[in-house]
């Protein structure tokens, strides 16, 4: 899978990265990363169209695998078939980067009452 990054290390954040899968295995891996990403992505289609949104669903165990995205200004989600995808850009802010479960738990932990 080609990437605009020259290093082979796993990135700390996918934000700003561009994945250009060269086969079905790489495409499935790239879609998995987009599904796990907590920000918007831009899906580059083989037609040249670009679709920007938040990937909230993927169906890869069906005859025609697809993803669904929430688009910023559309009332209905957009479905995109895997076979239509040429590349994925992690274009939105990675809203989960630098945050952990422990940080969230500390923030929401109720103070103990003094008895």
N, C-alpha and C. Protein backbone atom coordinates (compact mmCIF):
# COMPACT_ATOMS: atom_id res chain seq x y z
N UNK A 1 0.86 -1.17 0.00
CA UNK A 1 0.00 0.00 0.00
C UNK A 1 0.90 1.22 0.00
N UNK A 2 0.71 2.08 -0.97
CA UNK A 2 1.50 3.29 -1.02
C UNK A 2 0.94 4.32 -0.06
N UNK A 3 1.83 5.10 0.51
CA UNK A 3 1.45 6.14 1.44
C UNK A 3 2.32 7.35 1.17
N UNK A 4 1.84 8.52 1.53
CA UNK A 4 2.64 9.71 1.32
C UNK A 4 3.71 9.85 2.40
N UNK A 5 3.78 8.93 3.34
CA UNK A 5 4.78 8.92 4.38
C UNK A 5 5.92 8.01 3.93
N UNK A 6 7.16 8.40 4.17
CA UNK A 6 8.29 7.59 3.74
C UNK A 6 8.71 6.57 4.78
N UNK A 7 8.22 6.67 5.99
CA UNK A 7 8.60 5.73 7.03
C UNK A 7 7.66 4.54 7.04
N UNK A 8 8.15 3.43 7.55
CA UNK A 8 7.32 2.24 7.64
C UNK A 8 6.80 2.04 9.05
N UNK A 9 7.11 2.93 9.95
CA UNK A 9 6.61 2.82 11.32
C UNK A 9 5.12 3.08 11.36
N UNK A 10 4.45 2.45 12.32
CA UNK A 10 3.02 2.69 12.51
C UNK A 10 2.86 4.12 13.01
N UNK A 11 2.01 4.91 12.37
CA UNK A 11 1.87 6.31 12.79
C UNK A 11 1.19 6.42 14.13
N UNK A 12 1.50 7.50 14.83
CA UNK A 12 0.82 7.75 16.09
C UNK A 12 -0.60 8.21 15.80
N UNK A 13 -0.78 8.91 14.73
CA UNK A 13 -2.10 9.36 14.32
C UNK A 13 -2.17 9.21 12.80
N UNK A 14 -3.34 8.82 12.32
CA UNK A 14 -3.52 8.70 10.88
C UNK A 14 -3.81 10.04 10.23
N UNK A 15 -4.06 11.06 11.04
CA UNK A 15 -4.44 12.38 10.52
C UNK A 15 -3.44 12.85 9.47
N UNK A 16 -3.99 13.23 8.30
CA UNK A 16 -3.17 13.76 7.21
C UNK A 16 -2.58 12.70 6.28
N UNK A 17 -2.70 11.45 6.63
CA UNK A 17 -2.11 10.39 5.78
C UNK A 17 -3.01 10.07 4.59
N UNK A 18 -2.38 9.57 3.56
CA UNK A 18 -3.08 9.20 2.33
C UNK A 18 -2.71 7.77 2.00
N UNK A 19 -3.69 6.90 1.93
CA UNK A 19 -3.45 5.50 1.59
C UNK A 19 -3.95 5.22 0.18
N UNK A 20 -3.10 4.57 -0.59
CA UNK A 20 -3.42 4.22 -1.97
C UNK A 20 -3.26 2.71 -2.11
N UNK A 21 -4.31 1.93 -1.80
CA UNK A 21 -4.20 0.47 -1.84
C UNK A 21 -3.93 -0.04 -3.25
N UNK A 22 -3.09 -1.08 -3.34
CA UNK A 22 -2.77 -1.63 -4.66
C UNK A 22 -3.41 -3.00 -4.91
N UNK A 23 -4.11 -3.54 -3.89
CA UNK A 23 -4.79 -4.82 -4.08
C UNK A 23 -5.94 -4.92 -3.07
N UNK A 24 -6.73 -5.98 -3.16
CA UNK A 24 -7.90 -6.14 -2.29
C UNK A 24 -7.53 -6.23 -0.81
N UNK A 25 -6.45 -6.93 -0.50
CA UNK A 25 -6.03 -7.06 0.90
C UNK A 25 -5.70 -5.68 1.48
N UNK A 26 -4.93 -4.89 0.75
CA UNK A 26 -4.58 -3.55 1.21
C UNK A 26 -5.81 -2.65 1.31
N UNK A 27 -6.75 -2.82 0.38
CA UNK A 27 -7.98 -2.04 0.42
C UNK A 27 -8.76 -2.35 1.70
N UNK A 28 -8.89 -3.62 2.04
CA UNK A 28 -9.61 -4.01 3.26
C UNK A 28 -8.90 -3.45 4.50
N UNK A 29 -7.56 -3.49 4.51
CA UNK A 29 -6.81 -2.93 5.63
C UNK A 29 -7.02 -1.42 5.73
N UNK A 30 -6.99 -0.72 4.60
CA UNK A 30 -7.17 0.74 4.59
C UNK A 30 -8.58 1.10 5.07
N UNK A 31 -9.57 0.35 4.65
CA UNK A 31 -10.94 0.60 5.07
C UNK A 31 -11.08 0.33 6.57
N UNK A 32 -10.41 -0.70 7.07
CA UNK A 32 -10.40 -0.96 8.50
C UNK A 32 -9.83 0.22 9.28
N UNK A 33 -8.76 0.80 8.79
CA UNK A 33 -8.17 1.98 9.43
C UNK A 33 -9.14 3.16 9.39
N UNK A 34 -9.80 3.35 8.25
CA UNK A 34 -10.77 4.45 8.11
C UNK A 34 -11.95 4.25 9.05
N UNK A 35 -12.38 3.01 9.23
CA UNK A 35 -13.50 2.70 10.11
C UNK A 35 -13.12 2.98 11.57
N UNK A 36 -11.89 2.67 11.94
CA UNK A 36 -11.42 2.88 13.31
C UNK A 36 -11.08 4.34 13.59
N UNK A 37 -10.86 5.12 12.56
CA UNK A 37 -10.44 6.52 12.70
C UNK A 37 -11.58 7.35 13.29
N UNK A 38 -11.27 8.21 14.23
CA UNK A 38 -12.29 9.02 14.90
C UNK A 38 -12.35 10.43 14.32
N UNK A 39 -12.28 10.52 13.03
CA UNK A 39 -12.40 11.80 12.33
C UNK A 39 -12.90 11.55 10.92
N UNK A 40 -13.09 12.63 10.17
CA UNK A 40 -13.55 12.50 8.79
C UNK A 40 -12.43 12.00 7.90
N UNK A 41 -12.83 11.29 6.86
CA UNK A 41 -11.91 10.85 5.82
C UNK A 41 -12.44 11.32 4.48
N UNK A 42 -11.56 11.40 3.52
CA UNK A 42 -11.96 11.70 2.15
C UNK A 42 -11.71 10.44 1.33
N UNK A 43 -12.79 9.91 0.78
CA UNK A 43 -12.70 8.71 -0.05
C UNK A 43 -12.55 9.17 -1.49
N UNK A 44 -11.45 8.76 -2.12
CA UNK A 44 -11.22 9.09 -3.52
C UNK A 44 -11.75 7.93 -4.36
N UNK A 45 -12.70 8.23 -5.21
CA UNK A 45 -13.31 7.19 -6.04
C UNK A 45 -12.57 7.06 -7.37
N UNK A 46 -12.70 5.90 -7.98
CA UNK A 46 -12.04 5.64 -9.27
C UNK A 46 -12.57 6.56 -10.36
N UNK A 47 -13.76 7.13 -10.16
CA UNK A 47 -14.34 8.06 -11.14
C UNK A 47 -13.72 9.45 -11.04
N UNK A 48 -12.93 9.69 -9.98
CA UNK A 48 -12.36 11.01 -9.75
C UNK A 48 -13.12 11.80 -8.71
N UNK A 49 -14.33 11.36 -8.37
CA UNK A 49 -15.12 12.03 -7.33
C UNK A 49 -14.47 11.80 -5.97
N UNK A 50 -14.66 12.77 -5.07
CA UNK A 50 -14.20 12.64 -3.70
C UNK A 50 -15.40 12.77 -2.77
N UNK A 51 -15.46 11.87 -1.78
CA UNK A 51 -16.56 11.86 -0.82
C UNK A 51 -15.94 12.04 0.56
N UNK A 52 -16.31 13.12 1.26
CA UNK A 52 -15.76 13.40 2.57
C UNK A 52 -16.82 13.17 3.64
N UNK A 53 -16.46 12.41 4.67
CA UNK A 53 -17.40 12.17 5.75
C UNK A 53 -16.81 11.25 6.81
N UNK A 54 -17.66 10.84 7.73
CA UNK A 54 -17.27 9.98 8.83
C UNK A 54 -17.75 8.56 8.55
N UNK A 55 -16.83 7.61 8.50
CA UNK A 55 -17.18 6.21 8.24
C UNK A 55 -17.76 5.61 9.52
N UNK A 56 -19.04 5.20 9.45
CA UNK A 56 -19.69 4.66 10.64
C UNK A 56 -20.11 3.20 10.48
N UNK A 57 -20.01 2.67 9.27
CA UNK A 57 -20.42 1.29 9.04
C UNK A 57 -19.60 0.71 7.91
N UNK A 58 -19.28 -0.57 8.03
CA UNK A 58 -18.63 -1.29 6.92
C UNK A 58 -19.20 -2.68 6.88
N UNK A 59 -19.41 -3.16 5.69
CA UNK A 59 -19.93 -4.50 5.49
C UNK A 59 -19.01 -5.20 4.50
N UNK A 60 -18.10 -6.02 5.03
CA UNK A 60 -17.16 -6.69 4.13
C UNK A 60 -17.43 -8.17 3.96
N UNK A 61 -18.47 -8.67 4.60
CA UNK A 61 -18.83 -10.08 4.47
C UNK A 61 -20.10 -10.26 3.64
N UNK A 62 -20.35 -9.34 2.74
CA UNK A 62 -21.51 -9.40 1.85
C UNK A 62 -21.01 -9.54 0.41
N UNK A 63 -21.86 -9.96 -0.52
CA UNK A 63 -21.41 -10.14 -1.91
C UNK A 63 -20.75 -8.90 -2.52
N UNK A 64 -21.25 -7.72 -2.19
CA UNK A 64 -20.67 -6.47 -2.70
C UNK A 64 -20.32 -5.59 -1.50
N UNK A 65 -19.12 -5.76 -0.92
CA UNK A 65 -18.74 -5.02 0.29
C UNK A 65 -18.86 -3.51 0.11
N UNK A 66 -19.22 -2.82 1.20
CA UNK A 66 -19.40 -1.38 1.15
C UNK A 66 -19.14 -0.74 2.51
N UNK A 67 -18.98 0.58 2.48
CA UNK A 67 -18.91 1.38 3.69
C UNK A 67 -20.04 2.40 3.63
N UNK A 68 -20.40 2.93 4.81
CA UNK A 68 -21.37 4.02 4.88
C UNK A 68 -20.70 5.17 5.62
N UNK A 69 -20.97 6.38 5.12
CA UNK A 69 -20.40 7.59 5.70
C UNK A 69 -21.50 8.58 6.03
N UNK A 70 -21.33 9.28 7.15
CA UNK A 70 -22.14 10.45 7.43
C UNK A 70 -21.45 11.61 6.74
N UNK A 71 -22.17 12.32 5.88
CA UNK A 71 -21.62 13.47 5.17
C UNK A 71 -21.98 14.73 5.93
N UNK A 72 -21.09 15.73 5.93
CA UNK A 72 -21.32 16.93 6.74
C UNK A 72 -22.66 17.63 6.53
N UNK A 73 -23.11 17.75 5.30
CA UNK A 73 -24.33 18.53 5.06
C UNK A 73 -25.41 17.74 4.34
N UNK A 74 -25.39 16.42 4.52
CA UNK A 74 -26.41 15.59 3.87
C UNK A 74 -27.27 14.91 4.93
N UNK A 75 -28.57 14.87 4.71
CA UNK A 75 -29.45 14.26 5.71
C UNK A 75 -29.34 12.73 5.77
N UNK A 76 -28.93 12.12 4.68
CA UNK A 76 -28.83 10.66 4.62
C UNK A 76 -27.37 10.24 4.45
N UNK A 77 -26.99 9.10 5.02
CA UNK A 77 -25.63 8.60 4.83
C UNK A 77 -25.38 8.21 3.37
N UNK A 78 -24.13 8.15 3.01
CA UNK A 78 -23.72 7.76 1.65
C UNK A 78 -23.10 6.37 1.72
N UNK A 79 -23.49 5.50 0.82
CA UNK A 79 -22.91 4.17 0.73
C UNK A 79 -21.93 4.16 -0.43
N UNK A 80 -20.74 3.58 -0.19
CA UNK A 80 -19.72 3.49 -1.22
C UNK A 80 -19.22 2.05 -1.26
N UNK A 81 -19.28 1.43 -2.43
CA UNK A 81 -18.80 0.05 -2.60
C UNK A 81 -17.28 0.04 -2.56
N UNK A 82 -16.72 -0.99 -1.97
CA UNK A 82 -15.25 -1.12 -1.90
C UNK A 82 -14.64 -1.01 -3.29
N UNK A 83 -15.27 -1.64 -4.28
CA UNK A 83 -14.71 -1.68 -5.63
C UNK A 83 -14.64 -0.29 -6.29
N UNK A 84 -15.33 0.70 -5.72
CA UNK A 84 -15.30 2.06 -6.26
C UNK A 84 -14.16 2.90 -5.68
N UNK A 85 -13.52 2.40 -4.62
CA UNK A 85 -12.54 3.20 -3.87
C UNK A 85 -11.15 3.10 -4.49
N UNK A 86 -10.54 4.27 -4.72
CA UNK A 86 -9.19 4.36 -5.26
C UNK A 86 -8.18 4.72 -4.17
N UNK A 87 -8.60 5.54 -3.21
CA UNK A 87 -7.69 5.96 -2.13
C UNK A 87 -8.47 6.52 -0.97
N UNK A 88 -7.78 6.63 0.17
CA UNK A 88 -8.39 7.17 1.38
C UNK A 88 -7.43 8.19 1.99
N UNK A 89 -7.97 9.38 2.26
CA UNK A 89 -7.19 10.43 2.91
C UNK A 89 -7.81 10.68 4.28
N UNK A 90 -6.99 10.65 5.31
CA UNK A 90 -7.46 10.91 6.67
C UNK A 90 -7.43 12.43 6.85
N UNK A 91 -8.47 13.07 6.34
CA UNK A 91 -8.49 14.52 6.15
C UNK A 91 -9.01 15.30 7.35
N UNK A 92 -9.80 14.68 8.20
CA UNK A 92 -10.35 15.39 9.35
C UNK A 92 -9.48 15.24 10.58
N UNK A 93 -9.77 16.03 11.58
CA UNK A 93 -9.02 15.98 12.83
C UNK A 93 -9.22 14.62 13.50
N UNK A 94 -8.15 14.06 14.00
CA UNK A 94 -8.21 12.80 14.74
C UNK A 94 -8.65 13.13 16.16
N UNK A 95 -9.94 13.07 16.41
CA UNK A 95 -10.49 13.54 17.68
C UNK A 95 -10.11 12.66 18.86
N UNK A 96 -9.62 11.45 18.61
CA UNK A 96 -9.24 10.56 19.72
C UNK A 96 -7.74 10.58 19.98
N UNK A 97 -6.96 11.23 19.14
CA UNK A 97 -5.51 11.20 19.29
C UNK A 97 -5.08 11.84 20.62
N UNK A 98 -4.24 11.12 21.34
CA UNK A 98 -3.72 11.64 22.61
C UNK A 98 -4.66 11.42 23.78
N UNK A 99 -5.78 10.81 23.54
CA UNK A 99 -6.73 10.56 24.62
C UNK A 99 -6.80 9.06 24.88
N UNK A 100 -6.95 8.71 26.10
CA UNK A 100 -7.03 7.29 26.44
C UNK A 100 -8.26 7.03 27.28
N UNK A 101 -8.55 5.76 27.44
CA UNK A 101 -9.67 5.36 28.29
C UNK A 101 -9.43 5.87 29.71
N UNK A 102 -8.21 5.78 30.17
CA UNK A 102 -7.89 6.21 31.53
C UNK A 102 -8.19 7.70 31.71
N UNK A 103 -7.82 8.52 30.71
CA UNK A 103 -8.10 9.95 30.78
C UNK A 103 -9.60 10.20 30.88
N UNK A 104 -10.37 9.48 30.07
CA UNK A 104 -11.82 9.65 30.09
C UNK A 104 -12.38 9.24 31.44
N UNK A 105 -11.90 8.12 31.97
CA UNK A 105 -12.41 7.62 33.25
C UNK A 105 -12.09 8.60 34.38
N UNK A 106 -10.90 9.19 34.37
CA UNK A 106 -10.54 10.18 35.40
C UNK A 106 -11.46 11.39 35.33
N UNK A 107 -11.75 11.82 34.11
CA UNK A 107 -12.59 13.00 33.93
C UNK A 107 -13.99 12.77 34.49
N UNK A 108 -14.52 11.58 34.31
CA UNK A 108 -15.89 11.29 34.69
C UNK A 108 -16.04 10.59 36.04
N UNK A 109 -14.91 10.34 36.70
CA UNK A 109 -14.98 9.67 38.01
C UNK A 109 -15.62 10.62 39.02
N UNK A 110 -16.59 10.11 39.73
CA UNK A 110 -17.27 10.92 40.74
C UNK A 110 -16.39 11.00 41.98
N UNK A 111 -16.31 12.17 42.59
CA UNK A 111 -15.52 12.26 43.80
C UNK A 111 -16.16 11.42 44.91
N UNK A 112 -15.30 10.80 45.70
CA UNK A 112 -15.82 10.00 46.80
C UNK A 112 -16.39 10.91 47.88
N UNK A 113 -17.51 10.52 48.40
CA UNK A 113 -18.13 11.35 49.45
C UNK A 113 -17.43 11.09 50.77
N UNK A 114 -17.28 12.11 51.55
CA UNK A 114 -16.63 11.93 52.86
C UNK A 114 -17.69 11.58 53.89
N UNK A 115 -17.56 10.41 54.47
CA UNK A 115 -18.56 9.94 55.44
C UNK A 115 -17.98 9.94 56.81
